[in-house]
N, C-alpha and C. Protein backbone atom coordinates (compact mmCIF):
# COMPACT_ATOMS: atom_id res chain seq x y z
N MET A 1 29.47 -96.91 -46.63
CA MET A 1 28.73 -96.80 -45.45
C MET A 1 28.69 -95.44 -44.98
N SER A 2 27.50 -94.92 -44.60
CA SER A 2 27.42 -93.60 -44.07
C SER A 2 27.95 -93.30 -42.79
N TRP A 3 28.47 -92.17 -42.47
CA TRP A 3 29.09 -91.70 -41.27
C TRP A 3 27.98 -92.01 -40.21
N LEU A 4 26.72 -91.63 -40.33
CA LEU A 4 25.69 -91.80 -39.35
C LEU A 4 25.62 -93.37 -39.01
N ARG A 5 25.54 -94.13 -39.90
CA ARG A 5 25.23 -95.72 -39.83
C ARG A 5 26.39 -96.30 -38.97
N LYS A 6 27.63 -95.71 -39.44
CA LYS A 6 28.87 -96.36 -38.60
C LYS A 6 28.98 -95.90 -37.26
N THR A 7 28.57 -94.63 -37.05
CA THR A 7 28.46 -94.10 -35.66
C THR A 7 27.56 -94.92 -34.98
N LEU A 8 26.44 -95.00 -35.45
CA LEU A 8 25.27 -95.88 -34.70
C LEU A 8 25.72 -97.24 -34.29
N LEU A 9 26.31 -97.93 -35.27
CA LEU A 9 26.87 -99.25 -34.97
C LEU A 9 27.89 -99.20 -33.92
N ILE A 10 28.70 -98.24 -33.92
CA ILE A 10 29.86 -98.21 -32.90
C ILE A 10 29.36 -97.97 -31.58
N VAL A 11 28.43 -97.13 -31.50
CA VAL A 11 27.75 -96.70 -30.31
C VAL A 11 26.96 -97.85 -29.67
N THR A 12 26.25 -98.49 -30.62
CA THR A 12 25.50 -99.73 -30.24
C THR A 12 26.31 -100.89 -29.67
N GLY A 13 27.48 -101.04 -30.43
CA GLY A 13 28.45 -102.15 -30.07
C GLY A 13 29.05 -101.78 -28.73
N LEU A 14 29.33 -100.55 -28.38
CA LEU A 14 29.87 -100.18 -27.21
C LEU A 14 28.92 -100.39 -25.97
N LEU A 15 27.73 -99.95 -26.19
CA LEU A 15 26.61 -100.11 -25.26
C LEU A 15 26.41 -101.65 -25.05
N ALA A 16 26.37 -102.47 -26.01
CA ALA A 16 26.24 -103.97 -25.93
C ALA A 16 27.50 -104.54 -25.10
N LEU A 17 28.67 -104.06 -25.45
CA LEU A 17 29.76 -104.67 -24.80
C LEU A 17 29.66 -104.19 -23.12
N GLY A 18 29.22 -102.98 -22.95
CA GLY A 18 29.14 -102.79 -21.46
C GLY A 18 28.10 -103.46 -20.79
N VAL A 19 27.03 -103.73 -21.58
CA VAL A 19 25.83 -104.68 -20.85
C VAL A 19 26.40 -106.06 -20.70
N GLY A 20 27.18 -106.51 -21.76
CA GLY A 20 27.66 -107.86 -21.71
C GLY A 20 28.73 -108.05 -20.66
N LEU A 21 29.44 -106.92 -20.33
CA LEU A 21 30.46 -107.20 -19.31
C LEU A 21 29.72 -106.98 -17.89
N THR A 22 28.74 -106.36 -17.77
CA THR A 22 27.95 -106.36 -16.59
C THR A 22 27.29 -107.65 -16.42
N GLY A 23 27.10 -108.39 -17.48
CA GLY A 23 26.43 -109.75 -17.31
C GLY A 23 27.48 -110.88 -16.84
N PHE A 24 28.72 -110.50 -16.85
CA PHE A 24 29.52 -111.46 -16.28
C PHE A 24 29.50 -111.24 -14.55
N VAL A 25 29.03 -110.09 -14.16
CA VAL A 25 29.02 -109.91 -12.67
C VAL A 25 27.66 -110.29 -12.12
N PHE A 26 26.58 -110.08 -12.90
CA PHE A 26 25.18 -110.35 -12.49
C PHE A 26 24.67 -111.42 -13.28
N PRO A 27 24.43 -112.65 -12.64
CA PRO A 27 24.19 -113.76 -13.57
C PRO A 27 22.72 -113.79 -14.04
N ILE A 28 21.85 -112.79 -13.79
CA ILE A 28 20.66 -112.61 -14.21
C ILE A 28 20.72 -112.10 -15.48
N LEU A 29 21.70 -111.28 -15.93
CA LEU A 29 21.83 -110.66 -17.11
C LEU A 29 22.64 -111.49 -18.11
N PRO A 30 22.24 -111.91 -19.09
CA PRO A 30 23.08 -112.83 -20.01
C PRO A 30 24.22 -112.09 -20.62
N ALA A 31 25.39 -112.47 -20.62
CA ALA A 31 26.56 -111.82 -21.08
C ALA A 31 26.65 -112.08 -22.72
N THR A 32 26.45 -113.29 -23.06
CA THR A 32 26.83 -113.77 -24.44
C THR A 32 26.06 -113.12 -25.53
N PRO A 33 24.79 -112.99 -25.52
CA PRO A 33 24.14 -112.31 -26.50
C PRO A 33 24.53 -110.76 -26.84
N PHE A 34 24.82 -110.14 -25.77
CA PHE A 34 25.31 -108.73 -25.72
C PHE A 34 26.74 -108.77 -26.37
N LEU A 35 27.63 -109.66 -25.97
CA LEU A 35 28.89 -109.68 -26.50
C LEU A 35 28.80 -110.01 -28.15
N LEU A 36 27.85 -110.92 -28.54
CA LEU A 36 27.77 -111.18 -29.98
C LEU A 36 27.26 -109.99 -30.76
N VAL A 37 26.22 -109.26 -30.00
CA VAL A 37 25.89 -108.05 -30.73
C VAL A 37 26.96 -107.07 -31.04
N ALA A 38 27.66 -106.84 -29.86
CA ALA A 38 28.98 -105.88 -30.01
C ALA A 38 29.80 -106.46 -31.20
N THR A 39 29.94 -107.59 -31.22
CA THR A 39 30.86 -108.32 -32.32
C THR A 39 30.33 -108.04 -33.66
N PHE A 40 28.90 -108.21 -33.85
CA PHE A 40 28.38 -108.01 -35.03
C PHE A 40 28.43 -106.62 -35.44
N CYS A 41 28.16 -105.58 -34.51
CA CYS A 41 28.19 -104.19 -34.81
C CYS A 41 29.66 -103.72 -35.13
N PHE A 42 30.58 -104.24 -34.43
CA PHE A 42 32.06 -103.87 -34.62
C PHE A 42 32.55 -104.43 -36.00
N ALA A 43 31.99 -105.61 -36.41
CA ALA A 43 32.31 -106.22 -37.71
C ALA A 43 31.86 -105.42 -38.86
N ARG A 44 30.94 -104.60 -38.63
CA ARG A 44 30.24 -103.82 -39.74
C ARG A 44 30.55 -102.37 -39.58
N SER A 45 31.30 -101.88 -38.55
CA SER A 45 31.60 -100.47 -38.41
C SER A 45 33.15 -100.19 -38.25
N SER A 46 33.71 -101.01 -37.49
CA SER A 46 35.13 -100.71 -37.22
C SER A 46 35.90 -102.04 -37.03
N ARG A 47 36.76 -102.07 -37.98
CA ARG A 47 37.75 -103.34 -37.98
C ARG A 47 38.59 -103.22 -36.73
N LYS A 48 39.11 -102.05 -36.43
CA LYS A 48 40.04 -101.96 -35.21
C LYS A 48 39.29 -102.58 -33.94
N LEU A 49 37.97 -102.06 -33.80
CA LEU A 49 37.32 -102.53 -32.52
C LEU A 49 37.08 -104.13 -32.68
N HIS A 50 36.71 -104.52 -33.75
CA HIS A 50 36.32 -105.91 -34.01
C HIS A 50 37.65 -106.80 -33.76
N ASP A 51 38.73 -106.36 -34.26
CA ASP A 51 39.94 -107.02 -34.04
C ASP A 51 40.36 -107.08 -32.56
N TRP A 52 40.03 -105.96 -31.90
CA TRP A 52 40.62 -105.84 -30.36
C TRP A 52 39.64 -106.65 -29.63
N LEU A 53 38.32 -106.75 -29.96
CA LEU A 53 37.48 -107.62 -29.20
C LEU A 53 37.92 -109.13 -29.33
N LEU A 54 37.94 -109.50 -30.52
CA LEU A 54 38.41 -110.90 -30.73
C LEU A 54 39.87 -111.23 -30.26
N SER A 55 40.78 -110.39 -30.14
CA SER A 55 42.02 -110.64 -29.52
C SER A 55 42.05 -110.36 -28.22
N HIS A 56 41.03 -109.82 -27.55
CA HIS A 56 41.15 -109.53 -26.08
C HIS A 56 41.45 -110.91 -25.33
N GLY A 57 42.38 -110.74 -24.38
CA GLY A 57 42.79 -111.90 -23.48
C GLY A 57 41.68 -112.78 -22.81
N PHE A 58 40.63 -112.18 -22.41
CA PHE A 58 39.49 -112.71 -21.85
C PHE A 58 38.23 -112.96 -22.59
N LEU A 59 37.86 -111.91 -23.30
CA LEU A 59 36.71 -111.93 -24.18
C LEU A 59 36.97 -112.39 -25.50
N GLY A 60 38.03 -112.49 -26.05
CA GLY A 60 38.35 -113.02 -27.41
C GLY A 60 38.00 -114.70 -27.35
N PRO A 61 38.70 -115.27 -26.56
CA PRO A 61 38.35 -116.81 -26.54
C PRO A 61 36.87 -117.11 -26.24
N TYR A 62 36.29 -116.28 -25.33
CA TYR A 62 34.87 -116.43 -25.19
C TYR A 62 34.03 -116.33 -26.43
N ILE A 63 34.13 -115.22 -27.09
CA ILE A 63 33.41 -114.89 -28.12
C ILE A 63 33.77 -115.86 -29.36
N SER A 64 35.03 -116.21 -29.71
CA SER A 64 35.36 -117.05 -30.71
C SER A 64 34.81 -118.43 -30.51
N GLY A 65 34.54 -118.84 -29.29
CA GLY A 65 34.02 -120.21 -29.01
C GLY A 65 32.64 -120.22 -29.68
N PHE A 66 31.86 -119.20 -29.48
CA PHE A 66 30.49 -119.16 -29.97
C PHE A 66 30.56 -118.92 -31.57
N LEU A 67 31.56 -118.09 -32.04
CA LEU A 67 31.58 -117.68 -33.45
C LEU A 67 32.05 -118.92 -34.42
N TYR A 68 33.21 -119.52 -33.73
CA TYR A 68 33.84 -120.47 -34.63
C TYR A 68 33.83 -121.91 -34.13
N GLY A 69 33.16 -122.25 -32.91
CA GLY A 69 33.00 -123.49 -32.40
C GLY A 69 34.12 -123.99 -31.70
N THR A 70 35.14 -123.10 -31.45
CA THR A 70 36.38 -123.45 -30.67
C THR A 70 36.08 -123.67 -29.13
N PRO A 71 36.92 -124.64 -28.58
CA PRO A 71 36.82 -124.83 -27.28
C PRO A 71 37.11 -123.58 -26.24
N MET A 72 36.65 -123.59 -25.14
CA MET A 72 36.72 -122.62 -24.09
C MET A 72 38.17 -122.91 -23.34
N PRO A 73 39.09 -122.04 -23.36
CA PRO A 73 40.31 -122.31 -22.40
C PRO A 73 39.89 -122.61 -20.86
N ALA A 74 40.63 -123.52 -20.43
CA ALA A 74 40.27 -123.97 -19.00
C ALA A 74 40.30 -122.84 -17.99
N ARG A 75 41.37 -121.79 -18.23
CA ARG A 75 41.41 -120.55 -17.46
C ARG A 75 40.32 -119.74 -17.64
N VAL A 76 39.78 -119.65 -18.78
CA VAL A 76 38.55 -118.57 -18.93
C VAL A 76 37.38 -119.49 -18.24
N LYS A 77 37.27 -120.60 -18.36
CA LYS A 77 36.15 -121.35 -17.72
C LYS A 77 36.17 -121.27 -16.22
N ARG A 78 37.36 -121.24 -15.69
CA ARG A 78 37.43 -121.09 -14.25
C ARG A 78 36.99 -119.76 -13.90
N ILE A 79 37.51 -118.71 -14.59
CA ILE A 79 37.20 -117.24 -14.27
C ILE A 79 35.71 -117.06 -14.34
N ALA A 80 35.07 -117.62 -15.50
CA ALA A 80 33.62 -117.52 -15.66
C ALA A 80 32.83 -118.02 -14.54
N LEU A 81 33.32 -119.25 -14.12
CA LEU A 81 32.71 -119.86 -13.05
C LEU A 81 32.70 -119.05 -11.74
N ALA A 82 33.92 -118.52 -11.46
CA ALA A 82 34.07 -117.68 -10.21
C ALA A 82 33.19 -116.63 -10.28
N LEU A 83 33.18 -115.86 -11.30
CA LEU A 83 32.43 -114.65 -11.64
C LEU A 83 31.02 -114.89 -11.39
N LEU A 84 30.54 -116.15 -11.82
CA LEU A 84 29.17 -116.45 -11.88
C LEU A 84 28.76 -116.61 -10.50
N TRP A 85 29.50 -117.25 -9.72
CA TRP A 85 29.15 -117.45 -8.28
C TRP A 85 29.33 -116.21 -7.41
N VAL A 86 30.34 -115.38 -7.79
CA VAL A 86 30.38 -114.12 -6.98
C VAL A 86 29.21 -113.39 -7.35
N GLY A 87 28.66 -113.49 -8.52
CA GLY A 87 27.30 -112.71 -8.92
C GLY A 87 26.08 -113.37 -8.35
N VAL A 88 26.22 -114.52 -7.85
CA VAL A 88 25.17 -115.18 -7.10
C VAL A 88 25.28 -114.90 -5.62
N VAL A 89 26.31 -114.84 -5.12
CA VAL A 89 26.54 -114.62 -3.67
C VAL A 89 26.07 -113.23 -3.23
N ILE A 90 26.70 -112.20 -4.02
CA ILE A 90 26.37 -110.85 -3.71
C ILE A 90 24.88 -110.46 -3.57
N PRO A 91 24.11 -110.88 -4.66
CA PRO A 91 22.62 -110.62 -4.51
C PRO A 91 22.02 -111.38 -3.28
N SER A 92 22.65 -112.64 -2.99
CA SER A 92 22.23 -113.44 -1.82
C SER A 92 22.45 -112.61 -0.52
N VAL A 93 23.44 -111.95 -0.50
CA VAL A 93 23.66 -111.14 0.77
C VAL A 93 22.65 -109.87 0.72
N ALA A 94 22.48 -109.26 -0.36
CA ALA A 94 21.46 -108.30 -0.21
C ALA A 94 20.17 -108.73 -0.16
N VAL A 95 19.72 -109.91 -0.63
CA VAL A 95 18.54 -110.48 -0.18
C VAL A 95 18.22 -110.51 1.30
N TRP A 96 19.43 -111.07 1.88
CA TRP A 96 19.40 -111.32 3.42
C TRP A 96 18.89 -110.18 4.22
N TYR A 97 19.59 -108.93 3.65
CA TYR A 97 19.47 -107.69 4.43
C TYR A 97 18.11 -106.91 3.92
N GLN A 98 17.58 -107.21 2.88
CA GLN A 98 16.68 -106.39 2.28
C GLN A 98 15.10 -107.00 2.53
N ILE A 99 15.19 -108.33 2.44
CA ILE A 99 13.80 -108.97 2.47
C ILE A 99 13.51 -109.45 3.82
N SER A 100 12.34 -109.11 4.38
CA SER A 100 12.01 -109.42 5.80
C SER A 100 11.07 -110.79 5.68
N SER A 101 10.47 -110.99 4.53
CA SER A 101 9.45 -112.17 4.42
C SER A 101 10.18 -113.37 4.10
N VAL A 102 9.96 -114.35 5.00
CA VAL A 102 10.86 -115.75 4.71
C VAL A 102 10.41 -116.34 3.56
N ARG A 103 9.21 -116.23 2.89
CA ARG A 103 8.71 -116.72 1.68
C ARG A 103 9.47 -116.18 0.58
N LEU A 104 9.38 -114.67 0.53
CA LEU A 104 10.08 -114.12 -0.38
C LEU A 104 11.59 -114.32 -0.56
N MET A 105 12.23 -114.53 0.71
CA MET A 105 13.59 -114.95 0.66
C MET A 105 13.85 -116.25 0.16
N ALA A 106 12.87 -117.15 0.50
CA ALA A 106 13.09 -118.53 -0.12
C ALA A 106 13.01 -118.64 -1.67
N ILE A 107 12.04 -117.71 -2.10
CA ILE A 107 11.81 -117.67 -3.45
C ILE A 107 13.11 -117.11 -4.16
N ALA A 108 13.69 -116.09 -3.60
CA ALA A 108 14.78 -115.32 -4.26
C ALA A 108 16.05 -116.18 -4.17
N TYR A 109 16.28 -116.97 -2.88
CA TYR A 109 17.40 -117.90 -3.01
C TYR A 109 17.23 -119.02 -4.06
N THR A 110 16.12 -119.50 -4.04
CA THR A 110 15.84 -120.64 -4.98
C THR A 110 16.18 -120.09 -6.51
N LEU A 111 15.78 -118.93 -6.89
CA LEU A 111 15.87 -118.42 -8.28
C LEU A 111 17.39 -118.15 -8.37
N LEU A 112 18.04 -117.56 -7.31
CA LEU A 112 19.52 -117.40 -7.54
C LEU A 112 20.37 -118.69 -7.67
N LEU A 113 19.99 -119.60 -6.75
CA LEU A 113 20.54 -121.05 -6.92
C LEU A 113 20.30 -121.68 -8.19
N ALA A 114 19.11 -121.60 -8.68
CA ALA A 114 18.78 -122.29 -10.00
C ALA A 114 19.60 -121.51 -11.10
N VAL A 115 19.74 -120.17 -11.19
CA VAL A 115 20.45 -119.68 -12.20
C VAL A 115 22.04 -120.05 -11.98
N GLY A 116 22.49 -120.06 -10.74
CA GLY A 116 23.93 -120.43 -10.56
C GLY A 116 24.11 -121.87 -11.06
N VAL A 117 23.37 -122.69 -10.56
CA VAL A 117 23.53 -124.11 -10.87
C VAL A 117 23.27 -124.44 -12.42
N GLY A 118 22.35 -123.70 -13.05
CA GLY A 118 21.97 -123.95 -14.41
C GLY A 118 23.15 -123.48 -15.29
N PHE A 119 23.70 -122.24 -15.14
CA PHE A 119 24.79 -121.76 -15.85
C PHE A 119 26.04 -122.54 -15.60
N SER A 120 26.24 -122.96 -14.37
CA SER A 120 27.42 -123.73 -14.04
C SER A 120 27.50 -124.99 -14.79
N VAL A 121 26.16 -125.78 -14.73
CA VAL A 121 26.28 -126.85 -15.65
C VAL A 121 26.54 -126.76 -17.10
N TYR A 122 26.06 -125.65 -17.62
CA TYR A 122 26.32 -125.24 -19.01
C TYR A 122 27.78 -124.92 -19.13
N LEU A 123 28.38 -124.20 -18.27
CA LEU A 123 29.80 -123.95 -18.71
C LEU A 123 30.73 -125.20 -18.32
N VAL A 124 30.43 -125.90 -17.33
CA VAL A 124 31.30 -127.11 -17.03
C VAL A 124 31.10 -128.22 -18.31
N ARG A 125 29.95 -128.09 -18.97
CA ARG A 125 29.85 -129.15 -20.05
C ARG A 125 30.52 -128.60 -21.59
N LEU A 126 30.93 -127.28 -21.57
CA LEU A 126 31.54 -126.84 -22.54
C LEU A 126 32.92 -127.30 -22.93
N PRO A 127 33.41 -127.79 -24.07
CA PRO A 127 34.61 -128.35 -24.18
C PRO A 127 35.63 -127.41 -23.89
N VAL A 128 36.90 -128.04 -23.27
CA VAL A 128 38.03 -127.31 -22.88
C VAL A 128 39.03 -127.55 -23.85
N GLY A 129 39.84 -126.57 -24.08
CA GLY A 129 41.09 -126.65 -25.02
C GLY A 129 41.74 -125.32 -25.17
N GLU A 130 42.87 -125.11 -25.56
CA GLU A 130 43.54 -123.82 -25.68
C GLU A 130 43.03 -123.33 -27.16
N VAL A 131 42.97 -121.97 -27.18
CA VAL A 131 42.43 -121.30 -28.40
C VAL A 131 43.63 -120.40 -28.92
N GLU A 132 43.93 -120.34 -30.21
CA GLU A 132 44.85 -119.74 -30.69
C GLU A 132 44.22 -118.44 -31.20
N VAL A 133 44.80 -117.38 -30.73
CA VAL A 133 44.24 -116.09 -31.24
C VAL A 133 45.32 -115.47 -32.10
N ARG A 134 44.87 -115.33 -33.42
CA ARG A 134 45.72 -114.67 -34.38
C ARG A 134 45.37 -113.27 -34.77
N ALA A 135 46.19 -112.34 -34.84
CA ALA A 135 45.72 -110.91 -35.05
C ALA A 135 45.37 -110.87 -36.37
N GLY A 136 44.36 -110.19 -36.76
CA GLY A 136 43.74 -109.75 -38.12
C GLY A 136 42.69 -110.79 -38.44
N GLU A 137 42.26 -111.95 -37.72
CA GLU A 137 41.52 -112.90 -38.21
C GLU A 137 40.04 -112.53 -37.74
């Protein structure tokens, strides 16, 4: 693999990882597709970054659940739900102070609530179980 291609894949993976981590805080931005792109890029460019990502305490089980069909640990599910609702409440407060129109405020709150409830239902329905993370896999 050429040096340029490897560098581009690492940079793309790091950018996707950054956007994916941002998606845990802001529910409008999906985290999973970006984390999967980061995993894809690291798998083709840097074994060290790929192994780090899959063995990460929080992200590893989350990603492996999508890659290998493993269940999500209960702790990770609780953290994901908490971060989801923090990401819904913060914009709700911003909407309260920034929008003066009652109609626009109602639309914004409806959208935020729909995103929060939709993703919560999705997360709650995921199977729960402990995931073994082995180095080098």
